[in-house]
């Protein structure tokens, strides 16, 4: 007695293969749900924070901003960033600095500052932006000199919203 098996290209359904694919897809779906619902390992958050600290401390190209109050005074954008980051992060509850960008005029004066914030969900965006402007203006006045420093903080940009503490890098916030 000779048995004939269907050829895979003849269009006949291979029920065993279809069932195996369905079971595999179900197993994959369950595994994905389990991984997404599991909290991130504590070590992952520690490593992420360490990477962020190193990245923030990495040397980067700096520009000099001249003081309109004192022609001899020039301040590096790296120093301005460090000071403003510390001031804003300390002053604002529910927000953290993501990035600070500068517009320096051709004659070397600071013309504008752009602040990108990470904001905790539920925080008042308008209040945080207003407070950030006041803190940044104070930082700039301290660094570039008191008096008629005509630097106005024009734009505070909300870069991201997080459910956790915006001062902490939390990979768990990225899920979902």
Foldseek 3Di string as FASTA:
>chain_A
DDDDDDDPPPPDDDVVVVVVVVVVVVVVVVVVVVVLPDFDDPVVLVVVVVVVVCVLVDDDDWAWAAAPVDRVDIDTVNVLVVQLQVQLCVPDFFKHWDDKDFDADPVRHTAEIETEMEGEPPDDPVVSVVVSQVSSVVSCCVRRHPDCRPYGHDYYHHPYYFNDGRVGDGPSRVGD
